[in-house]
Amino acid sequence: MTTLRHTSMRVRGLFMASYAYMTEYRAELLLWALSMSLSFILMGVWFEASGRADVGISQADVVRYFFSVFLVRQLTVVWVVWDVEEQVRRGTLSSQLLLPIDPAWRHLMGHIAERFARLPFVVLLVVLFFALYPAAFFVPSASSIALFLLLSLGAFLLRFIIQYTVAMGCFWLERASAIETLHVLLYMFASGAIAPLESFPVDVRTVLMLTPFPYMIWLPARALMGDIDATVLSRGVIVMVAWGLGFFIVNRVLWRLGLRRYSAMGA
């Protein structure tokens, strides 16, 4: 019980410190929030396309879908690979290893604190969006919002552990972020960030549903729209948990092997 209390105190301290650090860079947070506006650009493209041909989703749903995608991406953005890469390259990871807590917690709390610091700018952008597109305004049910938040949390944790596992390549490669760049290309295509999965051929969509990507954006977005059935939801949760556990195991193995190599280099 004492250990649990001490751990919670450390986590809370890390969160408060991270939040204070993030709020020092409000202008940068605004730019980060604006960088996710690609969803609104794609919304215009797909809105015109859905008006000319059947793309598997109505015009009204196109607007709501990409608005939901915008929110999901705001909640699930991850950059841990660049942080770890910088620490390994500069040798500052050594000081992190002296602390009585796994460095992963510091990265995780930093990401979570950034969500709260970013929140006012996201709200501002949402208000601006509905001011420009009043016809797209909709009020999700309380259950849809709750499910959306839970799935977004799961999507964030899944993407975090995947990228953190990629970051372990820093112990062997000079630039593990190059691998992440390739991963992002697949992520943007297969997650529904660029196009609704309903517009994909059935065979392609069937294969993609076995990967973790659709459940990082498409599933939470559909949940906010209230357009998701129990079968898809249960399958999504199972796939997310399976991929998450798999990457967690690989991450812990690579972390131990990487630390041995890091120590052998005299760091």
C-alpha atoms as a PDB file:
ATOM      1  CA  MET A   1       0.000   0.000   0.000  1.00  0.00           C
ATOM      2  CA  THR A   2       2.869   2.333   0.856  1.00  0.00           C
ATOM      3  CA  THR A   3       4.584   1.536  -2.445  1.00  0.00           C
ATOM      4  CA  LEU A   4       1.393   2.297  -4.359  1.00  0.00           C
ATOM      5  CA  ARG A   5       1.017   5.618  -2.542  1.00  0.00           C
ATOM      6  CA  HIS A   6       4.619   6.591  -3.261  1.00  0.00           C
ATOM      7  CA  THR A   7       4.199   5.658  -6.928  1.00  0.00           C
ATOM      8  CA  SER A   8       1.015   7.729  -7.242  1.00  0.00           C
ATOM      9  CA  MET A   9       2.782  10.688  -5.619  1.00  0.00           C
ATOM     10  CA  ARG A  10       5.652  10.427  -8.093  1.00  0.00           C
ATOM     11  CA  VAL A  11       3.288  10.177 -11.055  1.00  0.00           C
ATOM     12  CA  ARG A  12       1.276  13.152  -9.814  1.00  0.00           C
ATOM     13  CA  GLY A  13       4.483  15.135  -9.312  1.00  0.00           C
ATOM     14  CA  LEU A  14       5.632  14.282 -12.837  1.00  0.00           C
ATOM     15  CA  PHE A  15       2.269  15.360 -14.237  1.00  0.00           C
ATOM     16  CA  MET A  16       2.277  18.713 -12.429  1.00  0.00           C
ATOM     17  CA  ALA A  17       5.861  19.427 -13.467  1.00  0.00           C
ATOM     18  CA  SER A  18       5.099  18.466 -17.069  1.00  0.00           C
ATOM     19  CA  TYR A  19       1.961  20.605 -17.130  1.00  0.00           C
ATOM     20  CA  ALA A  20       3.855  23.635 -15.800  1.00  0.00           C
ATOM     21  CA  TYR A  21       6.509  23.087 -18.456  1.00  0.00           C
ATOM     22  CA  MET A  22       3.960  22.758 -21.267  1.00  0.00           C
ATOM     23  CA  THR A  23       2.082  25.921 -20.326  1.00  0.00           C
ATOM     24  CA  GLU A  24       5.304  27.903 -20.788  1.00  0.00           C
ATOM     25  CA  TYR A  25       5.028  27.339 -24.540  1.00  0.00           C
ATOM     26  CA  ARG A  26       1.444  28.310 -25.300  1.00  0.00           C
ATOM     27  CA  ALA A  27       2.264  29.729 -28.739  1.00  0.00           C
ATOM     28  CA  GLU A  28       3.909  26.460 -29.712  1.00  0.00           C
ATOM     29  CA  LEU A  29       0.870  24.537 -28.459  1.00  0.00           C
ATOM     30  CA  LEU A  30      -1.363  26.666 -30.681  1.00  0.00           C
ATOM     31  CA  LEU A  31       0.797  25.835 -33.683  1.00  0.00           C
ATOM     32  CA  TRP A  32       0.640  22.145 -32.798  1.00  0.00           C
ATOM     33  CA  ALA A  33      -3.137  22.325 -32.588  1.00  0.00           C
ATOM     34  CA  LEU A  34      -3.333  24.118 -35.930  1.00  0.00           C
ATOM     35  CA  SER A  35      -1.078  21.499 -37.528  1.00  0.00           C
ATOM     36  CA  MET A  36      -3.948  19.020 -37.175  1.00  0.00           C
ATOM     37  CA  SER A  37      -6.186  21.152 -39.402  1.00  0.00           C
ATOM     38  CA  LEU A  38      -5.389  18.841 -42.338  1.00  0.00           C
ATOM     39  CA  SER A  39      -8.604  17.047 -41.371  1.00  0.00           C
ATOM     40  CA  PHE A  40     -10.629  20.137 -42.285  1.00  0.00           C
ATOM     41  CA  ILE A  41      -8.896  20.393 -45.671  1.00  0.00           C
ATOM     42  CA  LEU A  42      -9.600  16.743 -46.413  1.00  0.00           C
ATOM     43  CA  MET A  43     -13.176  17.276 -45.257  1.00  0.00           C
ATOM     44  CA  GLY A  44     -13.685  19.787 -48.069  1.00  0.00           C
ATOM     45  CA  VAL A  45     -12.226  17.384 -50.619  1.00  0.00           C
ATOM     46  CA  TRP A  46     -14.376  14.451 -49.540  1.00  0.00           C
ATOM     47  CA  PHE A  47     -17.453  16.647 -49.165  1.00  0.00           C
ATOM     48  CA  GLU A  48     -17.231  17.561 -52.860  1.00  0.00           C
ATOM     49  CA  ALA A  49     -16.472  13.957 -53.823  1.00  0.00           C
ATOM     50  CA  SER A  50     -19.451  12.582 -51.883  1.00  0.00           C
ATOM     51  CA  GLY A  51     -21.700  15.075 -53.681  1.00  0.00           C
ATOM     52  CA  ARG A  52     -20.673  13.761 -57.088  1.00  0.00           C
ATOM     53  CA  ALA A  53     -20.446  10.023 -56.468  1.00  0.00           C
ATOM     54  CA  ASP A  54     -21.167   7.352 -53.886  1.00  0.00           C
ATOM     55  CA  VAL A  55     -18.103   7.110 -51.651  1.00  0.00           C
ATOM     56  CA  GLY A  56     -19.739   5.008 -48.953  1.00  0.00           C
ATOM     57  CA  ILE A  57     -20.578   7.928 -46.689  1.00  0.00           C
ATOM     58  CA  SER A  58     -23.065  10.798 -46.954  1.00  0.00           C
ATOM     59  CA  GLN A  59     -22.072  14.471 -47.183  1.00  0.00           C
ATOM     60  CA  ALA A  60     -23.394  15.206 -43.711  1.00  0.00           C
ATOM     61  CA  ASP A  61     -21.425  12.293 -42.279  1.00  0.00           C
ATOM     62  CA  VAL A  62     -18.293  13.418 -44.143  1.00  0.00           C
ATOM     63  CA  VAL A  63     -18.284  16.705 -42.239  1.00  0.00           C
ATOM     64  CA  ARG A  64     -18.972  15.057 -38.905  1.00  0.00           C
ATOM     65  CA  TYR A  65     -16.459  12.307 -39.564  1.00  0.00           C
ATOM     66  CA  PHE A  66     -13.532  14.607 -40.301  1.00  0.00           C
ATOM     67  CA  PHE A  67     -14.491  16.850 -37.404  1.00  0.00           C
ATOM     68  CA  SER A  68     -14.317  13.751 -35.181  1.00  0.00           C
ATOM     69  CA  VAL A  69     -10.983  12.801 -36.782  1.00  0.00           C
ATOM     70  CA  PHE A  70      -9.673  16.249 -35.890  1.00  0.00           C
ATOM     71  CA  LEU A  71     -10.585  15.697 -32.229  1.00  0.00           C
ATOM     72  CA  VAL A  72      -9.100  12.200 -32.156  1.00  0.00           C
ATOM     73  CA  ARG A  73      -5.808  13.405 -33.583  1.00  0.00           C
ATOM     74  CA  GLN A  74      -5.667  16.198 -31.012  1.00  0.00           C
ATOM     75  CA  LEU A  75      -6.033  13.616 -28.246  1.00  0.00           C
ATOM     76  CA  THR A  76      -3.681  10.969 -29.630  1.00  0.00           C
ATOM     77  CA  VAL A  77      -0.679  12.848 -31.032  1.00  0.00           C
ATOM     78  CA  VAL A  78       2.638  11.270 -29.918  1.00  0.00           C
ATOM     79  CA  TRP A  79       6.240  12.434 -30.322  1.00  0.00           C
ATOM     80  CA  VAL A  80       8.124  10.205 -27.858  1.00  0.00           C
ATOM     81  CA  VAL A  81      10.479   8.783 -30.491  1.00  0.00           C
ATOM     82  CA  TRP A  82      12.083  12.188 -31.009  1.00  0.00           C
ATOM     83  CA  ASP A  83      12.472  12.738 -27.260  1.00  0.00           C
ATOM     84  CA  VAL A  84      14.135   9.375 -26.708  1.00  0.00           C
ATOM     85  CA  GLU A  85      16.327   9.824 -29.773  1.00  0.00           C
ATOM     86  CA  GLU A  86      17.564  13.160 -28.461  1.00  0.00           C
ATOM     87  CA  GLN A  87      18.262  11.751 -24.992  1.00  0.00           C
ATOM     88  CA  VAL A  88      20.240   8.800 -26.330  1.00  0.00           C
ATOM     89  CA  ARG A  89      22.167  10.877 -28.845  1.00  0.00           C
ATOM     90  CA  ARG A  90      23.150  13.529 -26.290  1.00  0.00           C
ATOM     91  CA  GLY A  91      23.648  11.102 -23.424  1.00  0.00           C
ATOM     92  CA  THR A  92      21.080  12.836 -21.200  1.00  0.00           C
ATOM     93  CA  LEU A  93      19.304   9.506 -20.717  1.00  0.00           C
ATOM     94  CA  SER A  94      21.974   8.689 -18.124  1.00  0.00           C
ATOM     95  CA  SER A  95      20.581  11.218 -15.655  1.00  0.00           C
ATOM     96  CA  GLN A  96      17.058   9.850 -16.217  1.00  0.00           C
ATOM     97  CA  LEU A  97      18.230   6.365 -15.309  1.00  0.00           C
ATOM     98  CA  LEU A  98      19.398   7.616 -11.896  1.00  0.00           C
ATOM     99  CA  LEU A  99      15.842   8.538 -10.912  1.00  0.00           C
ATOM    100  CA  PRO A 100      13.730   5.986  -8.984  1.00  0.00           C
ATOM    101  CA  ILE A 101      11.144   5.747 -11.757  1.00  0.00           C
ATOM    102  CA  ASP A 102      11.144   4.357 -15.279  1.00  0.00           C
ATOM    103  CA  PRO A 103      11.784   7.136 -17.879  1.00  0.00           C
ATOM    104  CA  ALA A 104       8.693   5.920 -19.740  1.00  0.00           C
ATOM    105  CA  TRP A 105       6.524   7.478 -17.014  1.00  0.00           C
ATOM    106  CA  ARG A 106       8.140  10.864 -17.568  1.00  0.00           C
ATOM    107  CA  HIS A 107       7.407  10.680 -21.290  1.00  0.00           C
ATOM    108  CA  LEU A 108       3.854   9.471 -20.695  1.00  0.00           C
ATOM    109  CA  MET A 109       3.054  12.203 -18.159  1.00  0.00           C
ATOM    110  CA  GLY A 110       4.518  14.800 -20.509  1.00  0.00           C
ATOM    111  CA  HIS A 111       2.159  13.699 -23.259  1.00  0.00           C
ATOM    112  CA  ILE A 112      -0.873  13.636 -20.972  1.00  0.00           C
ATOM    113  CA  ALA A 113      -0.059  17.062 -19.512  1.00  0.00           C
ATOM    114  CA  GLU A 114       0.236  18.447 -23.038  1.00  0.00           C
ATOM    115  CA  ARG A 115      -3.345  17.312 -23.746  1.00  0.00           C
ATOM    116  CA  PHE A 116      -4.649  19.443 -20.873  1.00  0.00           C
ATOM    117  CA  ALA A 117      -2.476  22.416 -21.830  1.00  0.00           C
ATOM    118  CA  ARG A 118      -3.666  22.161 -25.441  1.00  0.00           C
ATOM    119  CA  LEU A 119      -7.357  21.931 -24.495  1.00  0.00           C
ATOM    120  CA  PRO A 120      -8.214  25.684 -24.600  1.00  0.00           C
ATOM    121  CA  PHE A 121      -6.871  25.987 -28.144  1.00  0.00           C
ATOM    122  CA  VAL A 122      -8.788  22.911 -29.268  1.00  0.00           C
ATOM    123  CA  VAL A 123     -12.014  24.353 -27.835  1.00  0.00           C
ATOM    124  CA  LEU A 124     -11.320  27.614 -29.680  1.00  0.00           C
ATOM    125  CA  LEU A 125     -10.816  25.766 -32.968  1.00  0.00           C
ATOM    126  CA  VAL A 126     -14.010  23.754 -32.431  1.00  0.00           C
ATOM    127  CA  VAL A 127     -16.008  26.938 -31.875  1.00  0.00           C
ATOM    128  CA  LEU A 128     -14.466  28.463 -35.000  1.00  0.00           C
ATOM    129  CA  PHE A 129     -15.263  25.325 -37.001  1.00  0.00           C
ATOM    130  CA  PHE A 130     -18.956  25.348 -36.124  1.00  0.00           C
ATOM    131  CA  ALA A 131     -19.108  29.097 -36.725  1.00  0.00           C
ATOM    132  CA  LEU A 132     -17.904  28.467 -40.275  1.00  0.00           C
ATOM    133  CA  TYR A 133     -20.008  25.319 -40.769  1.00  0.00           C
ATOM    134  CA  PRO A 134     -23.151  25.790 -38.643  1.00  0.00           C
ATOM    135  CA  ALA A 135     -24.997  23.093 -40.605  1.00  0.00           C
ATOM    136  CA  ALA A 136     -22.470  20.531 -39.335  1.00  0.00           C
ATOM    137  CA  PHE A 137     -23.293  21.201 -35.687  1.00  0.00           C
ATOM    138  CA  PHE A 138     -24.359  18.098 -33.802  1.00  0.00           C
ATOM    139  CA  VAL A 139     -24.611  17.101 -30.165  1.00  0.00           C
ATOM    140  CA  PRO A 140     -23.370  13.556 -29.458  1.00  0.00           C
ATOM    141  CA  SER A 141     -25.115  11.587 -26.747  1.00  0.00           C
ATOM    142  CA  ALA A 142     -23.465  11.224 -23.347  1.00  0.00           C
ATOM    143  CA  SER A 143     -22.764   7.548 -24.054  1.00  0.00           C
ATOM    144  CA  SER A 144     -21.130   8.411 -27.396  1.00  0.00           C
ATOM    145  CA  ILE A 145     -18.897  10.995 -25.737  1.00  0.00           C
ATOM    146  CA  ALA A 146     -17.903   8.576 -22.971  1.00  0.00           C
ATOM    147  CA  LEU A 147     -17.134   5.828 -25.478  1.00  0.00           C
ATOM    148  CA  PHE A 148     -15.220   8.294 -27.654  1.00  0.00           C
ATOM    149  CA  LEU A 149     -13.032   9.369 -24.726  1.00  0.00           C
ATOM    150  CA  LEU A 150     -12.331   5.792 -23.653  1.00  0.00           C
ATOM    151  CA  LEU A 151     -11.441   4.691 -27.182  1.00  0.00           C
ATOM    152  CA  SER A 152      -9.308   7.801 -27.694  1.00  0.00           C
ATOM    153  CA  LEU A 153      -7.432   6.983 -24.486  1.00  0.00           C
ATOM    154  CA  GLY A 154      -6.888   3.443 -25.716  1.00  0.00           C
ATOM    155  CA  ALA A 155      -5.783   4.735 -29.125  1.00  0.00           C
ATOM    156  CA  PHE A 156      -3.332   7.138 -27.490  1.00  0.00           C
ATOM    157  CA  LEU A 157      -1.817   4.430 -25.277  1.00  0.00           C
ATOM    158  CA  LEU A 158      -1.544   2.067 -28.241  1.00  0.00           C
ATOM    159  CA  ARG A 159       0.136   4.654 -30.417  1.00  0.00           C
ATOM    160  CA  PHE A 160       2.411   5.651 -27.545  1.00  0.00           C
ATOM    161  CA  ILE A 161       3.643   2.102 -26.937  1.00  0.00           C
ATOM    162  CA  ILE A 162       4.134   1.511 -30.675  1.00  0.00           C
ATOM    163  CA  GLN A 163       6.167   4.682 -31.113  1.00  0.00           C
ATOM    164  CA  TYR A 164       8.052   4.089 -27.864  1.00  0.00           C
ATOM    165  CA  THR A 165       8.986   0.642 -29.168  1.00  0.00           C
ATOM    166  CA  VAL A 166      10.216   2.200 -32.416  1.00  0.00           C
ATOM    167  CA  ALA A 167      12.219   4.624 -30.267  1.00  0.00           C
ATOM    168  CA  MET A 168      14.173   1.692 -28.822  1.00  0.00           C
ATOM    169  CA  GLY A 169      15.916   1.546 -32.171  1.00  0.00           C
ATOM    170  CA  CYS A 170      17.892   4.591 -31.007  1.00  0.00           C
ATOM    171  CA  PHE A 171      20.220   2.229 -29.154  1.00  0.00           C
ATOM    172  CA  TRP A 172      21.286   0.657 -32.455  1.00  0.00           C
ATOM    173  CA  LEU A 173      20.483   3.289 -35.094  1.00  0.00           C
ATOM    174  CA  GLU A 174      21.483   6.919 -35.325  1.00  0.00           C
ATOM    175  CA  ARG A 175      18.012   8.039 -36.391  1.00  0.00           C
ATOM    176  CA  ALA A 176      15.144   5.848 -35.233  1.00  0.00           C
ATOM    177  CA  SER A 177      12.827   8.706 -36.207  1.00  0.00           C
ATOM    178  CA  ALA A 178      13.414   7.674 -39.848  1.00  0.00           C
ATOM    179  CA  ILE A 179      11.542   4.453 -39.088  1.00  0.00           C
ATOM    180  CA  GLU A 180       8.757   6.486 -37.500  1.00  0.00           C
ATOM    181  CA  THR A 181       8.477   8.570 -40.665  1.00  0.00           C
ATOM    182  CA  LEU A 182       7.707   5.424 -42.657  1.00  0.00           C
ATOM    183  CA  HIS A 183       5.310   4.289 -39.937  1.00  0.00           C
ATOM    184  CA  VAL A 184       3.423   7.602 -40.078  1.00  0.00           C
ATOM    185  CA  LEU A 185       2.791   7.175 -43.796  1.00  0.00           C
ATOM    186  CA  LEU A 186       1.139   3.805 -43.154  1.00  0.00           C
ATOM    187  CA  TYR A 187      -0.664   5.195 -40.110  1.00  0.00           C
ATOM    188  CA  MET A 188      -2.198   8.099 -42.042  1.00  0.00           C
ATOM    189  CA  PHE A 189      -3.388   5.824 -44.847  1.00  0.00           C
ATOM    190  CA  ALA A 190      -4.702   2.886 -42.815  1.00  0.00           C
ATOM    191  CA  SER A 191      -6.195   4.715 -39.835  1.00  0.00           C
ATOM    192  CA  GLY A 192      -8.867   6.638 -41.695  1.00  0.00           C
ATOM    193  CA  ALA A 193      -7.133   9.984 -41.236  1.00  0.00           C
ATOM    194  CA  ILE A 194      -6.957  10.697 -44.970  1.00  0.00           C
ATOM    195  CA  ALA A 195     -10.062   8.846 -46.159  1.00  0.00           C
ATOM    196  CA  PRO A 196     -12.989   7.160 -44.391  1.00  0.00           C
ATOM    197  CA  LEU A 197     -12.497   3.416 -44.360  1.00  0.00           C
ATOM    198  CA  GLU A 198     -15.963   3.058 -45.892  1.00  0.00           C
ATOM    199  CA  SER A 199     -14.499   4.356 -49.160  1.00  0.00           C
ATOM    200  CA  PHE A 200     -11.910   1.541 -49.310  1.00  0.00           C
ATOM    201  CA  PRO A 201     -12.512  -1.689 -51.266  1.00  0.00           C
ATOM    202  CA  VAL A 202     -13.991  -4.405 -49.072  1.00  0.00           C
ATOM    203  CA  ASP A 203     -10.944  -6.692 -49.333  1.00  0.00           C
ATOM    204  CA  VAL A 204      -8.565  -3.883 -48.390  1.00  0.00           C
ATOM    205  CA  ARG A 205     -10.760  -2.848 -45.482  1.00  0.00           C
ATOM    206  CA  THR A 206     -10.911  -6.435 -44.216  1.00  0.00           C
ATOM    207  CA  VAL A 207      -7.119  -6.650 -44.103  1.00  0.00           C
ATOM    208  CA  LEU A 208      -6.748  -3.231 -42.475  1.00  0.00           C
ATOM    209  CA  MET A 209      -9.148  -4.187 -39.694  1.00  0.00           C
ATOM    210  CA  LEU A 210      -6.609  -6.770 -38.531  1.00  0.00           C
ATOM    211  CA  THR A 211      -3.993  -4.056 -38.015  1.00  0.00           C
ATOM    212  CA  PRO A 212      -4.004  -1.554 -35.112  1.00  0.00           C
ATOM    213  CA  PHE A 213      -4.329   1.498 -37.351  1.00  0.00           C
ATOM    214  CA  PRO A 214      -8.126   1.772 -37.897  1.00  0.00           C
ATOM    215  CA  TYR A 215      -8.679   1.699 -34.157  1.00  0.00           C
ATOM    216  CA  MET A 216      -6.397   4.694 -33.585  1.00  0.00           C
ATOM    217  CA  ILE A 217      -8.620   7.139 -35.498  1.00  0.00           C
ATOM    218  CA  TRP A 218     -11.530   5.569 -37.390  1.00  0.00           C
ATOM    219  CA  LEU A 219     -13.062   3.707 -34.443  1.00  0.00           C
ATOM    220  CA  PRO A 220     -13.050   6.630 -31.943  1.00  0.00           C
ATOM    221  CA  ALA A 221     -14.319   8.983 -34.661  1.00  0.00           C
ATOM    222  CA  ARG A 222     -17.195   6.661 -35.483  1.00  0.00           C
ATOM    223  CA  ALA A 223     -17.968   6.308 -31.777  1.00  0.00           C
ATOM    224  CA  LEU A 224     -18.372  10.073 -31.414  1.00  0.00           C
ATOM    225  CA  MET A 225     -20.754  10.046 -34.374  1.00  0.00           C
ATOM    226  CA  GLY A 226     -22.781   7.327 -32.636  1.00  0.00           C
ATOM    227  CA  ASP A 227     -22.340   5.107 -35.685  1.00  0.00           C
ATOM    228  CA  ILE A 228     -20.764   1.927 -34.351  1.00  0.00           C
ATOM    229  CA  ASP A 229     -22.202  -1.480 -33.574  1.00  0.00           C
ATOM    230  CA  ALA A 230     -21.302  -3.845 -30.760  1.00  0.00           C
ATOM    231  CA  THR A 231     -19.524  -6.339 -33.040  1.00  0.00           C
ATOM    232  CA  VAL A 232     -17.138  -3.761 -34.490  1.00  0.00           C
ATOM    233  CA  LEU A 233     -16.562  -2.277 -31.043  1.00  0.00           C
ATOM    234  CA  SER A 234     -15.746  -5.587 -29.373  1.00  0.00           C
ATOM    235  CA  ARG A 235     -13.456  -6.616 -32.216  1.00  0.00           C
ATOM    236  CA  GLY A 236     -11.732  -3.254 -32.048  1.00  0.00           C
ATOM    237  CA  VAL A 237     -11.084  -3.536 -28.318  1.00  0.00           C
ATOM    238  CA  ILE A 238      -9.685  -7.063 -28.735  1.00  0.00           C
ATOM    239  CA  VAL A 239      -7.365  -6.009 -31.565  1.00  0.00           C
ATOM    240  CA  MET A 240      -6.159  -2.939 -29.657  1.00  0.00           C
ATOM    241  CA  VAL A 241      -5.410  -4.936 -26.515  1.00  0.00           C
ATOM    242  CA  ALA A 242      -3.664  -7.697 -28.469  1.00  0.00           C
ATOM    243  CA  TRP A 243      -1.412  -5.301 -30.393  1.00  0.00           C
ATOM    244  CA  GLY A 244      -0.788  -3.231 -27.266  1.00  0.00           C
ATOM    245  CA  LEU A 245       0.341  -6.240 -25.212  1.00  0.00           C
ATOM    246  CA  GLY A 246       2.499  -7.481 -28.090  1.00  0.00           C
ATOM    247  CA  PHE A 247       4.300  -4.180 -28.480  1.00  0.00           C
ATOM    248  CA  PHE A 248       4.653  -3.821 -24.692  1.00  0.00           C
ATOM    249  CA  ILE A 249       6.477  -7.142 -24.454  1.00  0.00           C
ATOM    250  CA  VAL A 250       8.742  -6.272 -27.389  1.00  0.00           C
ATOM    251  CA  ASN A 251       9.361  -2.843 -25.863  1.00  0.00           C
ATOM    252  CA  ARG A 252      10.504  -4.252 -22.516  1.00  0.00           C
ATOM    253  CA  VAL A 253      12.846  -6.736 -24.222  1.00  0.00           C
ATOM    254  CA  LEU A 254      14.387  -4.049 -26.456  1.00  0.00           C
ATOM    255  CA  TRP A 255      14.669  -1.671 -23.494  1.00  0.00           C
ATOM    256  CA  ARG A 256      16.774  -4.144 -21.483  1.00  0.00           C
ATOM    257  CA  LEU A 257      18.938  -5.040 -24.464  1.00  0.00           C
ATOM    258  CA  GLY A 258      19.298  -1.391 -25.376  1.00  0.00           C
ATOM    259  CA  LEU A 259      20.391  -0.388 -21.884  1.00  0.00           C
ATOM    260  CA  ARG A 260      23.152  -2.992 -21.996  1.00  0.00           C
ATOM    261  CA  ARG A 261      24.404  -1.566 -25.264  1.00  0.00           C
ATOM    262  CA  TYR A 262      24.028   1.992 -23.945  1.00  0.00           C
ATOM    263  CA  SER A 263      26.086   1.158 -20.836  1.00  0.00           C
ATOM    264  CA  ALA A 264      28.702  -0.686 -22.895  1.00  0.00           C
ATOM    265  CA  MET A 265      29.311   2.495 -24.886  1.00  0.00           C
ATOM    266  CA  GLY A 266      30.307   4.258 -21.646  1.00  0.00           C
ATOM    267  CA  ALA A 267      27.195   6.391 -21.280  1.00  0.00           C
END
